[in-house]
Amino acid sequence: MNWIKQALARGAASLTEFESKQLLSGYGIPVTRELEASTPEAALQAAAEIGYPVALKGAGVGLLHKTEAGLVHLNLKNAEEVAEAYGAVTGDPAVSQVLVQEMISGERELVAGLTRDPQFGPCVMFGLGGIFTEILKDVVFRVAPLSRWDARQMLEDLRGREILGALRGLPPADLEALAAILIALGRIGLENPELREIDINPLLIQGDGRPIAVDALIVLG
């Protein structure tokens, strides 16, 4: 399915989180397994299908900081907790989509994405992520397309690159997998001129070192 054309056809300025992740997945970027739910019953069915514990989040146009808005509920262990979380997020009028998502654990959060520069075209971005992205401002950029060397160099250029190594009993991050994600982001930008911006935050490093996109937004225009 062409997610970008579908969004443009309905006049949307961005893809939904679900659509954004589906597009990323089509380019080989690992994303969380999730299902959309439009009713409490659908949320319970999705949780049972994915398997507990799960996360439930509300999404909508312009909702960029869902955690701070109380729209992300983690580690839900049973149907009662899922139903309660569904009621909580749908009480916000800005929420137009509810996602039930597999619960992913990891202590290291990164950010990755793409921006379309008026002069240089699509540029891939990578840095330290999570809720402190704007404060730390430890990000690097490269113009697409990226070679494997370019992508690996982006990892090396982070001021806080030690976070990618073995740390406090955690294994090192899978650098080849991270490099592959950055290369894929460049491809997406080059092959989809309608796309203006990609934001993956957090790009979580799981307990085994593999990265996975937990939240994502693709902006058009």
C-alpha atoms as a PDB file:
ATOM      1  CA  MET A   1       0.000   0.000   0.000  1.00  0.00           C
ATOM      2  CA  ASN A   2       1.240   3.494  -0.838  1.00  0.00           C
ATOM      3  CA  TRP A   3       0.763   5.198   2.507  1.00  0.00           C
ATOM      4  CA  ILE A   4       1.898   8.614   1.251  1.00  0.00           C
ATOM      5  CA  LYS A   5      -0.561   8.716  -1.659  1.00  0.00           C
ATOM      6  CA  GLN A   6      -3.350   7.556   0.630  1.00  0.00           C
ATOM      7  CA  ALA A   7      -2.606  10.376   3.100  1.00  0.00           C
ATOM      8  CA  LEU A   8      -2.373  12.994   0.346  1.00  0.00           C
ATOM      9  CA  ALA A   9      -5.679  11.812  -1.121  1.00  0.00           C
ATOM     10  CA  ARG A  10      -7.474  12.593   2.136  1.00  0.00           C
ATOM     11  CA  GLY A  11      -5.681  15.946   2.442  1.00  0.00           C
ATOM     12  CA  ALA A  12      -3.554  14.975   5.437  1.00  0.00           C
ATOM     13  CA  ALA A  13      -0.406  16.920   6.326  1.00  0.00           C
ATOM     14  CA  SER A  14       1.211  13.849   7.861  1.00  0.00           C
ATOM     15  CA  LEU A  15       0.861  10.101   8.147  1.00  0.00           C
ATOM     16  CA  THR A  16      -0.616   8.606  11.273  1.00  0.00           C
ATOM     17  CA  GLU A  17       1.802   6.861  13.602  1.00  0.00           C
ATOM     18  CA  PHE A  18       0.560   3.494  12.362  1.00  0.00           C
ATOM     19  CA  GLU A  19       1.007   4.509   8.710  1.00  0.00           C
ATOM     20  CA  SER A  20       4.418   6.016   9.436  1.00  0.00           C
ATOM     21  CA  LYS A  21       5.656   2.770  10.943  1.00  0.00           C
ATOM     22  CA  GLN A  22       4.215   0.717   8.112  1.00  0.00           C
ATOM     23  CA  LEU A  23       6.143   2.821   5.599  1.00  0.00           C
ATOM     24  CA  LEU A  24       9.352   2.523   7.630  1.00  0.00           C
ATOM     25  CA  SER A  25       8.881  -1.229   7.932  1.00  0.00           C
ATOM     26  CA  GLY A  26       8.565  -1.479   4.151  1.00  0.00           C
ATOM     27  CA  TYR A  27      12.124  -0.153   3.927  1.00  0.00           C
ATOM     28  CA  GLY A  28      13.447  -2.682   6.413  1.00  0.00           C
ATOM     29  CA  ILE A  29      13.425  -0.466   9.488  1.00  0.00           C
ATOM     30  CA  PRO A  30      12.387  -2.516  12.550  1.00  0.00           C
ATOM     31  CA  VAL A  31       9.227  -1.175  14.214  1.00  0.00           C
ATOM     32  CA  THR A  32       7.049  -2.277  17.091  1.00  0.00           C
ATOM     33  CA  ARG A  33       4.221  -4.702  16.420  1.00  0.00           C
ATOM     34  CA  GLU A  34       0.930  -2.878  16.969  1.00  0.00           C
ATOM     35  CA  LEU A  35      -2.747  -2.855  16.097  1.00  0.00           C
ATOM     36  CA  GLU A  36      -5.243  -0.023  15.767  1.00  0.00           C
ATOM     37  CA  ALA A  37      -8.269  -0.063  18.040  1.00  0.00           C
ATOM     38  CA  SER A  38     -11.411   2.036  17.522  1.00  0.00           C
ATOM     39  CA  THR A  39     -13.441   0.554  20.399  1.00  0.00           C
ATOM     40  CA  PRO A  40     -12.646  -0.780  23.889  1.00  0.00           C
ATOM     41  CA  GLU A  41     -13.489  -4.268  22.661  1.00  0.00           C
ATOM     42  CA  ALA A  42     -11.046  -3.924  19.774  1.00  0.00           C
ATOM     43  CA  ALA A  43      -8.350  -2.780  22.203  1.00  0.00           C
ATOM     44  CA  LEU A  44      -8.884  -5.869  24.359  1.00  0.00           C
ATOM     45  CA  GLN A  45      -8.801  -8.128  21.313  1.00  0.00           C
ATOM     46  CA  ALA A  46      -5.593  -6.472  20.082  1.00  0.00           C
ATOM     47  CA  ALA A  47      -3.944  -6.896  23.476  1.00  0.00           C
ATOM     48  CA  ALA A  48      -4.867 -10.562  23.575  1.00  0.00           C
ATOM     49  CA  GLU A  49      -3.509 -11.061  20.069  1.00  0.00           C
ATOM     50  CA  ILE A  50      -0.226  -9.262  20.752  1.00  0.00           C
ATOM     51  CA  GLY A  51       0.185 -10.783  24.205  1.00  0.00           C
ATOM     52  CA  TYR A  52       0.529  -9.120  27.589  1.00  0.00           C
ATOM     53  CA  PRO A  53       2.096  -6.899  28.771  1.00  0.00           C
ATOM     54  CA  VAL A  54       1.242  -4.246  26.191  1.00  0.00           C
ATOM     55  CA  ALA A  55       1.436  -0.489  25.756  1.00  0.00           C
ATOM     56  CA  LEU A  56      -1.535   1.641  24.723  1.00  0.00           C
ATOM     57  CA  LYS A  57      -1.228   5.120  23.292  1.00  0.00           C
ATOM     58  CA  GLY A  58      -3.427   7.801  21.848  1.00  0.00           C
ATOM     59  CA  ALA A  59      -2.311   9.578  18.695  1.00  0.00           C
ATOM     60  CA  GLY A  60      -3.616  12.432  16.613  1.00  0.00           C
ATOM     61  CA  VAL A  61      -2.643  15.318  14.362  1.00  0.00           C
ATOM     62  CA  GLY A  62      -0.355  17.714  16.211  1.00  0.00           C
ATOM     63  CA  LEU A  63       0.194  15.414  19.193  1.00  0.00           C
ATOM     64  CA  LEU A  64       3.996  15.439  19.214  1.00  0.00           C
ATOM     65  CA  HIS A  65       4.611  14.870  22.922  1.00  0.00           C
ATOM     66  CA  LYS A  66       2.235  12.065  23.802  1.00  0.00           C
ATOM     67  CA  THR A  67       4.071  10.956  26.936  1.00  0.00           C
ATOM     68  CA  GLU A  68       3.951  14.400  28.514  1.00  0.00           C
ATOM     69  CA  ALA A  69       0.241  14.646  27.623  1.00  0.00           C
ATOM     70  CA  GLY A  70      -0.520  11.419  29.496  1.00  0.00           C
ATOM     71  CA  LEU A  71      -1.426   9.566  26.318  1.00  0.00           C
ATOM     72  CA  VAL A  72       1.057   6.703  26.669  1.00  0.00           C
ATOM     73  CA  HIS A  73       0.256   3.868  29.083  1.00  0.00           C
ATOM     74  CA  LEU A  74       2.962   1.252  29.518  1.00  0.00           C
ATOM     75  CA  ASN A  75       3.238  -2.261  30.885  1.00  0.00           C
ATOM     76  CA  LEU A  76      -0.484  -3.004  30.906  1.00  0.00           C
ATOM     77  CA  LYS A  77      -0.781  -6.512  32.314  1.00  0.00           C
ATOM     78  CA  ASN A  78      -4.465  -7.433  31.920  1.00  0.00           C
ATOM     79  CA  ALA A  79      -7.779  -6.564  30.275  1.00  0.00           C
ATOM     80  CA  GLU A  80      -8.867  -4.286  33.124  1.00  0.00           C
ATOM     81  CA  GLU A  81      -5.756  -2.108  32.756  1.00  0.00           C
ATOM     82  CA  VAL A  82      -6.175  -1.944  28.969  1.00  0.00           C
ATOM     83  CA  ALA A  83      -9.821  -0.882  29.277  1.00  0.00           C
ATOM     84  CA  GLU A  84      -8.907   1.794  31.820  1.00  0.00           C
ATOM     85  CA  ALA A  85      -6.095   3.124  29.610  1.00  0.00           C
ATOM     86  CA  TYR A  86      -8.373   3.169  26.561  1.00  0.00           C
ATOM     87  CA  GLY A  87     -10.900   5.279  28.427  1.00  0.00           C
ATOM     88  CA  ALA A  88      -8.194   7.648  29.623  1.00  0.00           C
ATOM     89  CA  VAL A  89      -6.671   8.403  26.209  1.00  0.00           C
ATOM     90  CA  THR A  90      -9.982   8.663  24.355  1.00  0.00           C
ATOM     91  CA  GLY A  91     -11.077  11.293  26.847  1.00  0.00           C
ATOM     92  CA  ASP A  92      -8.698  13.705  25.090  1.00  0.00           C
ATOM     93  CA  PRO A  93     -10.512  15.311  22.111  1.00  0.00           C
ATOM     94  CA  ALA A  94      -7.219  15.580  20.197  1.00  0.00           C
ATOM     95  CA  VAL A  95      -6.879  11.783  20.040  1.00  0.00           C
ATOM     96  CA  SER A  96      -8.038  10.341  16.726  1.00  0.00           C
ATOM     97  CA  GLN A  97      -6.221   7.016  16.836  1.00  0.00           C
ATOM     98  CA  VAL A  98      -5.560   4.435  19.541  1.00  0.00           C
ATOM     99  CA  LEU A  99      -2.735   1.942  19.176  1.00  0.00           C
ATOM    100  CA  VAL A 100      -2.136  -1.217  21.176  1.00  0.00           C
ATOM    101  CA  GLN A 101       1.536  -2.022  20.968  1.00  0.00           C
ATOM    102  CA  GLU A 102       3.900  -4.742  22.069  1.00  0.00           C
ATOM    103  CA  MET A 103       5.777  -3.757  25.207  1.00  0.00           C
ATOM    104  CA  ILE A 104       9.436  -3.078  24.431  1.00  0.00           C
ATOM    105  CA  SER A 105      12.059  -2.666  27.135  1.00  0.00           C
ATOM    106  CA  GLY A 106      15.347  -0.836  26.828  1.00  0.00           C
ATOM    107  CA  GLU A 107      17.304   1.811  28.712  1.00  0.00           C
ATOM    108  CA  ARG A 108      18.939   3.656  25.810  1.00  0.00           C
ATOM    109  CA  GLU A 109      16.858   6.009  23.669  1.00  0.00           C
ATOM    110  CA  LEU A 110      18.054   7.476  20.390  1.00  0.00           C
ATOM    111  CA  VAL A 111      16.460   9.670  17.748  1.00  0.00           C
ATOM    112  CA  ALA A 112      16.707   9.233  13.992  1.00  0.00           C
ATOM    113  CA  GLY A 113      14.992  10.836  11.067  1.00  0.00           C
ATOM    114  CA  LEU A 114      15.150  12.920   7.965  1.00  0.00           C
ATOM    115  CA  THR A 115      14.611  16.538   6.979  1.00  0.00           C
ATOM    116  CA  ARG A 116      14.413  18.011   3.491  1.00  0.00           C
ATOM    117  CA  ASP A 117      16.794  20.960   3.243  1.00  0.00           C
ATOM    118  CA  PRO A 118      15.981  23.552   0.529  1.00  0.00           C
ATOM    119  CA  GLN A 119      19.591  23.549  -0.644  1.00  0.00           C
ATOM    120  CA  PHE A 120      20.915  20.040   0.017  1.00  0.00           C
ATOM    121  CA  GLY A 121      17.749  17.975  -0.286  1.00  0.00           C
ATOM    122  CA  PRO A 122      17.023  15.028   2.034  1.00  0.00           C
ATOM    123  CA  CYS A 123      19.362  14.937   5.048  1.00  0.00           C
ATOM    124  CA  VAL A 124      19.496  12.065   7.524  1.00  0.00           C
ATOM    125  CA  MET A 125      19.574  12.880  11.239  1.00  0.00           C
ATOM    126  CA  PHE A 126      20.765  10.771  14.189  1.00  0.00           C
ATOM    127  CA  GLY A 127      21.329  11.533  17.853  1.00  0.00           C
ATOM    128  CA  LEU A 128      20.495  10.982  21.489  1.00  0.00           C
ATOM    129  CA  GLY A 129      16.737  10.723  21.910  1.00  0.00           C
ATOM    130  CA  GLY A 130      13.918  10.411  24.374  1.00  0.00           C
ATOM    131  CA  ILE A 131      12.374  13.252  26.342  1.00  0.00           C
ATOM    132  CA  PHE A 132      15.703  15.119  26.588  1.00  0.00           C
ATOM    133  CA  THR A 133      16.372  15.396  22.839  1.00  0.00           C
ATOM    134  CA  GLU A 134      15.784  19.155  22.755  1.00  0.00           C
ATOM    135  CA  ILE A 135      17.943  19.714  25.837  1.00  0.00           C
ATOM    136  CA  LEU A 136      20.931  17.558  24.908  1.00  0.00           C
ATOM    137  CA  LYS A 137      20.984  18.615  21.240  1.00  0.00           C
ATOM    138  CA  ASP A 138      23.481  15.866  20.453  1.00  0.00           C
ATOM    139  CA  VAL A 139      22.532  15.189  16.825  1.00  0.00           C
ATOM    140  CA  VAL A 140      24.431  14.818  13.559  1.00  0.00           C
ATOM    141  CA  PHE A 141      23.329  15.154   9.929  1.00  0.00           C
ATOM    142  CA  ARG A 142      24.422  13.735   6.566  1.00  0.00           C
ATOM    143  CA  VAL A 143      23.107  14.430   3.066  1.00  0.00           C
ATOM    144  CA  ALA A 144      21.443  11.420   1.409  1.00  0.00           C
ATOM    145  CA  PRO A 145      22.257   9.011  -0.099  1.00  0.00           C
ATOM    146  CA  LEU A 146      24.367   7.457   2.641  1.00  0.00           C
ATOM    147  CA  SER A 147      27.043   4.848   2.146  1.00  0.00           C
ATOM    148  CA  ARG A 148      27.766   2.347   4.903  1.00  0.00           C
ATOM    149  CA  TRP A 149      30.847   4.427   5.772  1.00  0.00           C
ATOM    150  CA  ASP A 150      28.726   7.595   6.021  1.00  0.00           C
ATOM    151  CA  ALA A 151      26.271   5.897   8.346  1.00  0.00           C
ATOM    152  CA  ARG A 152      28.963   4.447  10.601  1.00  0.00           C
ATOM    153  CA  GLN A 153      30.661   7.844  10.731  1.00  0.00           C
ATOM    154  CA  MET A 154      27.416   9.401  11.961  1.00  0.00           C
ATOM    155  CA  LEU A 155      27.485   7.004  14.910  1.00  0.00           C
ATOM    156  CA  GLU A 156      31.083   7.972  15.664  1.00  0.00           C
ATOM    157  CA  ASP A 157      30.355  11.697  15.461  1.00  0.00           C
ATOM    158  CA  LEU A 158      27.960  11.732  18.437  1.00  0.00           C
ATOM    159  CA  ARG A 159      29.419  13.457  21.475  1.00  0.00           C
ATOM    160  CA  GLY A 160      27.700  10.838  23.607  1.00  0.00           C
ATOM    161  CA  ARG A 161      28.695   7.896  21.412  1.00  0.00           C
ATOM    162  CA  GLU A 162      29.741   5.893  24.504  1.00  0.00           C
ATOM    163  CA  ILE A 163      26.028   5.160  24.986  1.00  0.00           C
ATOM    164  CA  LEU A 164      26.277   2.822  21.989  1.00  0.00           C
ATOM    165  CA  GLY A 165      28.934   0.673  23.635  1.00  0.00           C
ATOM    166  CA  ALA A 166      28.714  -1.875  26.436  1.00  0.00           C
ATOM    167  CA  LEU A 167      27.361   0.078  29.393  1.00  0.00           C
ATOM    168  CA  ARG A 168      26.498  -0.923  32.964  1.00  0.00           C
ATOM    169  CA  GLY A 169      25.950  -4.550  32.111  1.00  0.00           C
ATOM    170  CA  LEU A 170      24.168  -3.768  28.828  1.00  0.00           C
ATOM    171  CA  PRO A 171      25.550  -5.207  25.589  1.00  0.00           C
ATOM    172  CA  PRO A 172      26.803  -2.840  22.885  1.00  0.00           C
ATOM    173  CA  ALA A 173      24.224  -1.540  20.441  1.00  0.00           C
ATOM    174  CA  ASP A 174      24.065  -3.309  17.086  1.00  0.00           C
ATOM    175  CA  LEU A 175      25.981  -0.719  15.047  1.00  0.00           C
ATOM    176  CA  GLU A 176      25.374  -2.461  11.739  1.00  0.00           C
ATOM    177  CA  ALA A 177      21.625  -2.425  12.359  1.00  0.00           C
ATOM    178  CA  LEU A 178      21.760   1.279  13.278  1.00  0.00           C
ATOM    179  CA  ALA A 179      23.757   2.050  10.138  1.00  0.00           C
ATOM    180  CA  ALA A 180      21.212   0.134   8.028  1.00  0.00           C
ATOM    181  CA  ILE A 181      18.396   2.253   9.504  1.00  0.00           C
ATOM    182  CA  LEU A 182      20.188   5.485   8.604  1.00  0.00           C
ATOM    183  CA  ILE A 183      20.859   4.286   5.050  1.00  0.00           C
ATOM    184  CA  ALA A 184      17.181   3.305   4.701  1.00  0.00           C
ATOM    185  CA  LEU A 185      16.046   6.743   5.902  1.00  0.00           C
ATOM    186  CA  GLY A 186      18.111   8.336   3.136  1.00  0.00           C
ATOM    187  CA  ARG A 187      16.492   6.055   0.583  1.00  0.00           C
ATOM    188  CA  ILE A 188      13.023   6.959   1.801  1.00  0.00           C
ATOM    189  CA  GLY A 189      13.776  10.655   1.379  1.00  0.00           C
ATOM    190  CA  LEU A 190      15.206  10.227  -2.108  1.00  0.00           C
ATOM    191  CA  GLU A 191      12.408   7.980  -3.361  1.00  0.00           C
ATOM    192  CA  ASN A 192       9.498   9.969  -1.910  1.00  0.00           C
ATOM    193  CA  PRO A 193       9.751  13.663  -2.839  1.00  0.00           C
ATOM    194  CA  GLU A 194       6.338  14.345  -1.253  1.00  0.00           C
ATOM    195  CA  LEU A 195       7.848  13.610   2.146  1.00  0.00           C
ATOM    196  CA  ARG A 196       9.228  16.542   4.140  1.00  0.00           C
ATOM    197  CA  GLU A 197      10.287  15.081   7.467  1.00  0.00           C
ATOM    198  CA  ILE A 198      10.677  11.828   9.389  1.00  0.00           C
ATOM    199  CA  ASP A 199      10.970  11.695  13.163  1.00  0.00           C
ATOM    200  CA  ILE A 200      11.690   8.420  14.990  1.00  0.00           C
ATOM    201  CA  ASN A 201      11.808   9.126  18.710  1.00  0.00           C
ATOM    202  CA  PRO A 202      12.544   7.033  20.534  1.00  0.00           C
ATOM    203  CA  LEU A 203      14.633   4.629  18.512  1.00  0.00           C
ATOM    204  CA  LEU A 204      15.074   2.245  21.407  1.00  0.00           C
ATOM    205  CA  ILE A 205      18.046  -0.052  21.974  1.00  0.00           C
ATOM    206  CA  GLN A 206      16.583  -3.291  23.288  1.00  0.00           C
ATOM    207  CA  GLY A 207      18.203  -5.489  25.906  1.00  0.00           C
ATOM    208  CA  ASP A 208      19.986  -7.532  23.253  1.00  0.00           C
ATOM    209  CA  GLY A 209      21.394  -4.436  21.527  1.00  0.00           C
ATOM    210  CA  ARG A 210      18.997  -4.388  18.578  1.00  0.00           C
ATOM    211  CA  PRO A 211      17.350  -1.042  17.700  1.00  0.00           C
ATOM    212  CA  ILE A 212      13.612  -0.679  17.137  1.00  0.00           C
ATOM    213  CA  ALA A 213      11.414   2.308  16.270  1.00  0.00           C
ATOM    214  CA  VAL A 214       8.916   2.756  19.102  1.00  0.00           C
ATOM    215  CA  ASP A 215       7.343   6.019  17.935  1.00  0.00           C
ATOM    216  CA  ALA A 216       7.437   7.635  14.498  1.00  0.00           C
ATOM    217  CA  LEU A 217       5.961  10.530  12.567  1.00  0.00           C
ATOM    218  CA  ILE A 218       6.197  11.275   8.832  1.00  0.00           C
ATOM    219  CA  VAL A 219       5.318  14.811   7.717  1.00  0.00           C
ATOM    220  CA  LEU A 220       4.319  15.600   4.125  1.00  0.00           C
ATOM    221  CA  GLY A 221       4.549  18.746   2.045  1.00  0.00           C
END
